[in-house]
N, C-alpha and C. Protein backbone atom coordinates (compact mmCIF):
# COMPACT_ATOMS: atom_id res chain seq x y z
N MET A 1 -18.10 14.10 -8.89
CA MET A 1 -18.09 13.26 -7.74
C MET A 1 -19.19 13.89 -6.78
N GLY A 2 -20.65 12.97 -6.78
CA GLY A 2 -21.29 13.71 -5.76
C GLY A 2 -20.90 13.62 -4.43
N LYS A 3 -21.98 14.24 -3.53
CA LYS A 3 -21.91 14.10 -2.32
C LYS A 3 -21.74 12.97 -1.53
N SER A 4 -22.47 11.74 -1.88
CA SER A 4 -22.82 10.59 -1.51
C SER A 4 -21.53 9.67 -1.75
N GLN A 5 -21.14 9.78 -3.01
CA GLN A 5 -19.91 9.07 -3.13
C GLN A 5 -18.57 9.40 -2.48
N ARG A 6 -18.67 10.72 -2.23
CA ARG A 6 -17.36 11.42 -1.40
C ARG A 6 -17.59 10.50 0.04
N ARG A 7 -19.02 10.59 0.27
CA ARG A 7 -19.28 10.16 1.77
C ARG A 7 -18.70 8.63 2.01
N LYS A 8 -19.47 7.92 0.85
CA LYS A 8 -18.86 6.42 0.89
C LYS A 8 -17.72 6.58 0.63
N GLY A 9 -16.69 6.91 0.17
CA GLY A 9 -15.52 6.67 0.04
C GLY A 9 -14.77 7.11 1.22
N HIS A 10 -15.05 8.12 1.97
CA HIS A 10 -14.36 8.92 3.30
C HIS A 10 -14.73 7.65 4.19
N ASN A 11 -16.02 6.81 4.24
CA ASN A 11 -16.38 5.90 5.32
C ASN A 11 -15.67 4.67 5.16
N PHE A 12 -15.42 4.50 3.91
CA PHE A 12 -14.53 3.10 3.41
C PHE A 12 -12.97 3.50 3.94
N GLU A 13 -12.51 4.80 3.84
CA GLU A 13 -10.94 4.90 4.26
C GLU A 13 -11.15 4.82 5.81
N ARG A 14 -12.23 5.30 6.53
CA ARG A 14 -12.34 4.92 7.91
C ARG A 14 -12.33 3.55 8.14
N GLU A 15 -13.17 2.84 7.54
CA GLU A 15 -13.18 1.56 8.01
C GLU A 15 -11.74 0.75 7.72
N VAL A 16 -11.13 0.91 6.43
CA VAL A 16 -9.99 0.45 6.32
C VAL A 16 -8.79 0.66 7.42
N ALA A 17 -8.54 2.13 8.01
CA ALA A 17 -7.91 2.54 9.20
C ALA A 17 -8.55 1.72 10.12
N ALA A 18 -9.71 1.80 10.61
CA ALA A 18 -9.78 1.02 11.73
C ALA A 18 -9.85 -0.38 11.69
N GLU A 19 -9.87 -1.24 10.79
CA GLU A 19 -9.36 -2.42 10.55
C GLU A 19 -7.79 -2.72 10.85
N LEU A 20 -6.89 -1.79 10.24
CA LEU A 20 -5.79 -1.75 10.05
C LEU A 20 -5.24 -1.65 11.83
N ARG A 21 -5.91 -0.71 12.40
CA ARG A 21 -5.77 -0.54 13.64
C ARG A 21 -5.89 -1.45 14.90
N ALA A 22 -7.06 -2.48 14.39
CA ALA A 22 -7.44 -3.77 15.11
C ALA A 22 -6.35 -4.69 14.91
N CYS A 23 -5.78 -4.60 13.67
CA CYS A 23 -4.63 -5.85 13.56
C CYS A 23 -3.19 -5.18 14.43
N ALA A 24 -3.17 -4.06 14.95
CA ALA A 24 -1.87 -3.66 15.06
C ALA A 24 -1.93 -2.72 16.47
N PRO A 25 -2.68 -3.23 17.48
CA PRO A 25 -3.06 -2.42 18.53
C PRO A 25 -2.05 -1.82 19.02
N MET A 26 -0.74 -2.09 19.21
CA MET A 26 0.09 -1.40 19.86
C MET A 26 0.85 -0.37 19.22
N ILE A 27 0.21 -0.03 17.94
CA ILE A 27 0.84 1.24 17.20
C ILE A 27 -0.45 1.81 16.61
N ALA A 28 -1.70 1.53 17.19
CA ALA A 28 -3.18 1.77 16.46
C ALA A 28 -3.48 3.54 16.49
N ASP A 29 -2.80 4.17 17.31
CA ASP A 29 -2.76 5.45 17.54
C ASP A 29 -1.88 6.21 16.32
N ARG A 30 -0.92 5.50 15.75
CA ARG A 30 -0.41 6.22 14.79
C ARG A 30 -0.96 6.01 13.01
N ILE A 31 -2.14 5.02 13.35
CA ILE A 31 -2.90 4.56 11.78
C ILE A 31 -4.26 5.43 11.79
N ARG A 32 -4.27 6.19 11.05
CA ARG A 32 -5.32 7.39 10.92
C ARG A 32 -5.65 7.42 9.42
N ARG A 33 -7.15 8.18 8.98
CA ARG A 33 -7.13 8.45 7.83
C ARG A 33 -6.65 9.58 7.40
N GLY A 34 -6.17 9.85 5.98
CA GLY A 34 -5.28 10.53 5.51
C GLY A 34 -6.53 12.35 5.32
N LEU A 35 -6.00 13.50 5.93
CA LEU A 35 -6.87 14.30 5.91
C LEU A 35 -6.83 14.91 4.53
N GLN A 36 -7.63 14.75 3.17
CA GLN A 36 -7.72 14.70 1.76
C GLN A 36 -8.09 16.42 1.58
N SER A 37 -7.48 16.95 0.64
CA SER A 37 -7.78 18.32 -0.07
C SER A 37 -7.92 18.31 -1.35
N ARG A 38 -8.51 19.28 -1.88
CA ARG A 38 -8.47 19.37 -3.36
C ARG A 38 -7.79 19.72 -4.06
N ASP A 39 -6.34 20.10 -3.71
CA ASP A 39 -5.26 20.63 -4.22
C ASP A 39 -4.40 19.72 -4.85
N GLY A 40 -4.61 18.57 -4.97
CA GLY A 40 -3.88 17.62 -5.32
C GLY A 40 -2.72 17.14 -4.77
N SER A 41 -2.50 17.33 -3.48
CA SER A 41 -1.52 16.76 -2.55
C SER A 41 -1.56 15.40 -2.40
N THR A 42 -0.52 14.82 -2.17
CA THR A 42 -0.12 13.60 -2.17
C THR A 42 -0.15 12.95 -0.85
N VAL A 43 -1.27 13.07 -0.21
CA VAL A 43 -1.67 12.46 1.17
C VAL A 43 -2.01 10.97 1.15
N PRO A 44 -1.74 9.94 1.69
CA PRO A 44 -2.42 8.83 1.49
C PRO A 44 -3.71 8.88 2.27
N ASP A 45 -4.72 7.88 1.45
CA ASP A 45 -6.12 7.88 2.14
C ASP A 45 -5.86 7.10 3.56
N VAL A 46 -5.12 6.47 3.78
CA VAL A 46 -4.95 6.12 5.03
C VAL A 46 -3.35 6.26 5.31
N MET A 47 -3.29 6.94 6.49
CA MET A 47 -1.51 7.02 6.98
C MET A 47 -1.15 6.02 8.03
N THR A 48 -0.15 5.63 7.60
CA THR A 48 0.27 4.24 8.58
C THR A 48 1.74 4.62 9.03
N PRO A 49 2.58 4.01 9.87
CA PRO A 49 3.73 4.00 10.28
C PRO A 49 4.81 3.01 9.32
N TRP A 50 3.99 2.33 8.61
CA TRP A 50 4.69 1.36 7.69
C TRP A 50 5.11 1.93 6.52
N PRO A 51 6.16 1.38 5.82
CA PRO A 51 6.58 2.15 4.71
C PRO A 51 5.60 1.94 3.39
N ILE A 52 4.34 2.06 3.43
CA ILE A 52 3.31 1.87 2.53
C ILE A 52 2.41 3.13 2.15
N HIS A 53 2.25 3.40 1.09
CA HIS A 53 0.93 4.65 0.33
C HIS A 53 -0.25 3.79 0.30
N VAL A 54 -1.37 4.01 1.07
CA VAL A 54 -2.43 3.44 0.87
C VAL A 54 -3.55 4.32 0.04
N GLU A 55 -3.88 3.88 -1.00
CA GLU A 55 -5.24 4.53 -1.67
C GLU A 55 -6.46 3.46 -1.48
N CYS A 56 -7.62 4.22 -1.19
CA CYS A 56 -8.71 3.41 -1.09
C CYS A 56 -9.86 3.66 -1.98
N LYS A 57 -10.38 2.87 -2.73
CA LYS A 57 -11.43 3.12 -3.72
C LYS A 57 -12.60 2.03 -3.67
N VAL A 58 -13.91 2.74 -3.57
CA VAL A 58 -15.16 1.82 -3.21
C VAL A 58 -15.84 2.43 -4.34
N GLY A 59 -16.73 1.39 -4.72
CA GLY A 59 -17.86 1.93 -5.78
C GLY A 59 -18.34 0.63 -6.67
N ALA A 60 -19.12 0.86 -7.68
CA ALA A 60 -19.96 -0.07 -8.70
C ALA A 60 -18.57 -0.82 -9.21
N ARG A 61 -17.65 -0.07 -9.71
CA ARG A 61 -16.30 -0.50 -10.54
C ARG A 61 -15.15 0.24 -10.19
N PRO A 62 -14.48 0.23 -8.76
CA PRO A 62 -13.22 0.80 -8.68
C PRO A 62 -12.03 0.55 -9.59
N ASN A 63 -11.68 1.84 -10.42
CA ASN A 63 -10.49 1.84 -11.31
C ASN A 63 -9.23 1.48 -10.73
N VAL A 64 -8.53 0.50 -10.48
CA VAL A 64 -7.74 -0.18 -9.83
C VAL A 64 -6.67 0.31 -10.51
N GLY A 65 -6.26 0.50 -11.78
CA GLY A 65 -5.29 1.10 -12.41
C GLY A 65 -5.04 2.41 -12.36
N ALA A 66 -6.19 3.08 -12.29
CA ALA A 66 -5.97 4.75 -11.98
C ALA A 66 -5.55 4.80 -10.32
N ALA A 67 -6.17 3.99 -9.62
CA ALA A 67 -5.76 4.17 -8.46
C ALA A 67 -4.34 3.80 -7.79
N MET A 68 -3.81 2.76 -8.70
CA MET A 68 -2.12 2.46 -8.50
C MET A 68 -1.76 3.37 -8.83
N ARG A 69 -1.95 4.10 -10.25
CA ARG A 69 -1.13 5.14 -10.53
C ARG A 69 -0.95 6.42 -9.72
N GLN A 70 -2.38 6.71 -8.77
CA GLN A 70 -2.58 7.95 -7.73
C GLN A 70 -1.45 7.48 -6.82
N ALA A 71 -1.37 6.10 -6.02
CA ALA A 71 -0.61 5.64 -5.17
C ALA A 71 0.83 5.96 -5.68
N LEU A 72 1.47 5.15 -6.92
CA LEU A 72 2.47 5.54 -7.20
C LEU A 72 2.99 6.90 -7.31
N ALA A 73 2.23 7.66 -7.61
CA ALA A 73 2.58 9.34 -7.84
C ALA A 73 2.68 9.87 -6.28
N GLY A 74 1.97 9.19 -5.47
CA GLY A 74 2.16 9.93 -3.93
C GLY A 74 3.18 9.09 -2.96
N ALA A 75 3.58 8.05 -3.28
CA ALA A 75 4.17 7.16 -2.44
C ALA A 75 5.53 8.07 -2.54
N GLY A 76 6.29 8.27 -1.31
CA GLY A 76 7.65 8.61 -1.21
C GLY A 76 8.77 7.38 -1.29
N PRO A 77 10.06 8.03 -1.21
CA PRO A 77 11.01 7.32 -1.61
C PRO A 77 11.02 6.08 -0.44
N GLY A 78 11.01 4.50 -0.85
CA GLY A 78 10.92 3.56 -0.10
C GLY A 78 9.45 3.14 0.40
N GLN A 79 8.33 3.78 -0.09
CA GLN A 79 7.12 3.58 0.21
C GLN A 79 6.60 2.27 -1.02
N ILE A 80 5.80 1.62 -0.52
CA ILE A 80 5.32 0.72 -1.34
C ILE A 80 3.89 1.31 -1.63
N PRO A 81 3.29 1.28 -2.94
CA PRO A 81 2.10 1.83 -3.28
C PRO A 81 1.01 0.60 -3.18
N VAL A 82 0.10 0.90 -2.45
CA VAL A 82 -1.10 -0.21 -1.84
C VAL A 82 -2.47 0.22 -2.22
N VAL A 83 -3.18 -0.42 -3.12
CA VAL A 83 -4.46 -0.17 -3.05
C VAL A 83 -5.68 -1.18 -2.69
N VAL A 84 -6.46 -0.61 -1.72
CA VAL A 84 -7.40 -1.43 -1.30
C VAL A 84 -8.91 -0.83 -2.17
N THR A 85 -9.42 -1.87 -2.55
CA THR A 85 -10.84 -1.64 -3.37
C THR A 85 -11.71 -2.62 -2.78
N ARG A 86 -13.04 -2.14 -3.26
CA ARG A 86 -14.38 -2.82 -2.79
C ARG A 86 -15.32 -2.51 -3.95
N ARG A 87 -15.73 -3.45 -4.12
CA ARG A 87 -16.89 -3.31 -5.09
C ARG A 87 -18.27 -3.49 -4.51
N ASP A 88 -19.18 -2.23 -4.87
CA ASP A 88 -20.75 -2.54 -4.11
C ASP A 88 -20.76 -3.66 -4.20
N ARG A 89 -21.75 -4.14 -3.19
CA ARG A 89 -22.69 -5.44 -2.69
C ARG A 89 -21.75 -6.65 -3.34
N ASP A 90 -20.49 -6.89 -3.33
CA ASP A 90 -19.65 -7.81 -3.81
C ASP A 90 -19.29 -8.59 -2.76
N PRO A 91 -19.84 -9.92 -2.77
CA PRO A 91 -19.56 -10.77 -1.26
C PRO A 91 -18.13 -11.09 -1.31
N VAL A 92 -17.51 -10.95 -1.92
CA VAL A 92 -15.94 -10.99 -2.05
C VAL A 92 -15.26 -10.06 -0.80
N GLY A 93 -15.89 -8.80 -0.75
CA GLY A 93 -15.36 -8.15 0.34
C GLY A 93 -14.00 -7.23 -0.42
N ALA A 94 -13.39 -6.85 0.44
CA ALA A 94 -12.20 -5.55 0.12
C ALA A 94 -11.04 -6.60 -0.72
N LEU A 95 -10.35 -5.96 -1.35
CA LEU A 95 -9.38 -6.49 -2.20
C LEU A 95 -8.18 -5.66 -1.95
N VAL A 96 -6.82 -6.15 -1.87
CA VAL A 96 -5.74 -5.17 -1.78
C VAL A 96 -5.06 -5.47 -3.15
N THR A 97 -4.50 -4.46 -3.93
CA THR A 97 -3.43 -4.76 -4.88
C THR A 97 -2.11 -4.12 -4.52
N VAL A 98 -1.00 -4.80 -4.96
CA VAL A 98 0.45 -4.27 -5.01
C VAL A 98 0.91 -4.62 -6.21
N ARG A 99 2.03 -3.81 -6.78
CA ARG A 99 2.64 -4.26 -7.96
C ARG A 99 3.47 -5.36 -7.64
N TRP A 100 3.62 -6.27 -8.77
CA TRP A 100 4.16 -8.03 -8.46
C TRP A 100 5.76 -7.49 -8.03
N VAL A 101 6.68 -6.38 -8.56
CA VAL A 101 7.53 -6.02 -8.02
C VAL A 101 7.91 -5.85 -6.66
N ASP A 102 6.79 -5.16 -6.19
CA ASP A 102 6.65 -5.10 -4.53
C ASP A 102 6.75 -5.88 -4.05
N LEU A 103 5.57 -6.81 -4.42
CA LEU A 103 5.45 -8.19 -3.62
C LEU A 103 6.80 -9.21 -3.46
N ARG A 104 7.33 -8.75 -4.59
CA ARG A 104 8.77 -9.91 -4.85
C ARG A 104 9.64 -8.96 -3.78
N ARG A 105 9.52 -8.02 -3.63
CA ARG A 105 10.58 -7.20 -2.31
C ARG A 105 10.11 -7.48 -1.05
N MET A 106 8.75 -7.63 -0.85
CA MET A 106 8.39 -7.81 0.55
C MET A 106 8.49 -9.13 1.14
N VAL A 107 8.59 -10.10 0.12
CA VAL A 107 8.54 -11.67 0.29
C VAL A 107 10.65 -12.24 0.50
N SER A 108 11.33 -11.29 -0.54
CA SER A 108 12.55 -11.78 -0.28
C SER A 108 13.39 -11.54 1.08
N PRO A 109 14.17 -12.51 1.16
CA PRO A 109 15.17 -12.23 2.55
C PRO A 109 16.15 -10.90 2.22
N PRO A 110 16.40 -10.15 3.12
CA PRO A 110 17.01 -8.90 2.82
C PRO A 110 18.94 -9.75 2.85
N ALA A 111 19.43 -9.00 1.87
CA ALA A 111 20.89 -9.27 1.27
C ALA A 111 21.51 -9.30 2.98
N MET A 112 22.35 -10.22 2.92
CA MET A 112 23.07 -10.12 4.23
C MET A 112 24.45 -8.97 4.03
N SER A 113 24.92 -8.12 4.79
CA SER A 113 26.06 -7.30 4.49
C SER A 113 27.27 -8.29 4.93
N PRO A 114 28.56 -7.81 4.80
CA PRO A 114 29.65 -8.41 5.19
C PRO A 114 29.63 -8.74 6.71
N GLU A 115 29.29 -7.74 7.24
CA GLU A 115 29.19 -7.75 8.93
C GLU A 115 27.96 -8.92 9.25
N GLY A 116 27.18 -9.02 8.46
CA GLY A 116 26.45 -10.13 8.95
C GLY A 116 25.08 -9.54 9.40
N SER A 117 24.93 -8.16 9.21
CA SER A 117 23.85 -7.15 10.13
C SER A 117 22.57 -7.76 9.48
N GLY A 118 22.44 -7.54 8.11
CA GLY A 118 21.22 -8.03 7.39
C GLY A 118 20.22 -7.04 7.23
N GLY A 119 20.85 -5.57 7.53
CA GLY A 119 19.76 -4.73 7.53
C GLY A 119 18.65 -4.45 8.42
N THR A 120 17.47 -3.98 7.95
CA THR A 120 16.49 -4.03 9.22
C THR A 120 15.85 -5.22 9.46
N GLY A 121 15.85 -6.12 8.13
CA GLY A 121 15.16 -7.38 7.99
C GLY A 121 13.41 -7.18 7.58
N SER A 122 13.42 -6.22 7.06
CA SER A 122 12.06 -5.97 6.61
C SER A 122 11.96 -6.34 5.03
N GLY A 123 13.18 -6.13 4.53
CA GLY A 123 13.42 -6.29 3.21
C GLY A 123 12.66 -5.13 2.28
N VAL A 124 11.68 -4.32 2.71
CA VAL A 124 11.48 -3.17 2.03
C VAL A 124 12.39 -2.21 1.95
N GLY A 125 12.52 -1.75 0.80
CA GLY A 125 13.14 -0.75 0.55
C GLY A 125 14.80 -0.90 0.55
N GLU A 126 15.27 -1.95 0.97
CA GLU A 126 16.79 -2.19 1.15
C GLU A 126 17.21 -2.87 -0.19
N GLU A 127 18.43 -2.09 -0.73
CA GLU A 127 19.25 -2.80 -1.90
C GLU A 127 19.41 -4.15 -1.46
N ARG A 128 19.55 -5.06 -2.88
CA ARG A 128 19.58 -6.28 -2.44
C ARG A 128 20.95 -6.61 -3.36
N VAL A 129 22.10 -7.65 -3.06
CA VAL A 129 22.92 -8.22 -4.04
C VAL A 129 22.25 -8.62 -5.23
N GLY A 130 23.08 -8.17 -6.30
CA GLY A 130 22.58 -8.66 -7.83
C GLY A 130 21.16 -8.15 -8.23
N GLU A 131 20.50 -7.23 -7.37
CA GLU A 131 19.25 -6.48 -7.78
C GLU A 131 19.46 -5.91 -9.20
N GLY A 132 18.72 -5.97 -9.88
CA GLY A 132 18.51 -5.44 -11.55
C GLY A 132 19.64 -5.85 -12.33
N GLU A 133 20.01 -6.96 -11.95
CA GLU A 133 21.31 -7.70 -12.81
C GLU A 133 20.59 -8.87 -13.83
N GLY A 134 19.03 -8.34 -14.07
CA GLY A 134 18.25 -9.75 -14.89
C GLY A 134 18.11 -10.66 -13.68
N GLU A 135 17.12 -11.65 -14.38
CA GLU A 135 16.51 -12.65 -13.63
C GLU A 135 17.44 -13.82 -13.33
N SER A 136 17.12 -14.43 -12.12
CA SER A 136 18.05 -15.23 -11.66
C SER A 136 17.18 -16.43 -11.84
N GLU A 137 17.76 -17.89 -11.37
CA GLU A 137 16.99 -18.97 -11.78
C GLU A 137 15.95 -18.97 -11.12
N GLY A 138 14.67 -19.82 -11.63
CA GLY A 138 13.35 -19.74 -11.07
C GLY A 138 12.41 -18.35 -11.22
N GLU A 139 12.97 -17.23 -11.64
CA GLU A 139 12.30 -15.95 -11.86
C GLU A 139 11.76 -15.95 -13.22
N GLY A 140 10.61 -15.18 -13.27
CA GLY A 140 9.85 -15.56 -14.57
C GLY A 140 9.45 -16.54 -15.48
N ALA A 141 9.13 -17.51 -14.40
CA ALA A 141 8.13 -18.59 -14.90
C ALA A 141 6.59 -18.46 -14.47
């Protein structure tokens, strides 16, 4: 990868971090570009306080599958791998990719405990009653 491609990638990572900071000004100081190294470490491209591992790719044809595999490899326990991509000169703009299983976890209500606490309420990384016991009614359609 040439110097200009690396610079373009770094600029895109900074842009994604800046837009996330603008969306969450109360925690903006905790959102920043991850410092990359060439030793194969698993630092996300954008570090956030949320349980996500963000990888950013920009270019003529960003490889979403490879980026998702990279995010999966780097995601820690309870983290959701997230890929942000943007094709050069594409008017659509940046796209976000998450796995279907992770999107389902994000939008599912948390399971209620017998005490009624309901966990953290985020629904992310929490065990659900009946999870993994096959598809329930309405799923897989």
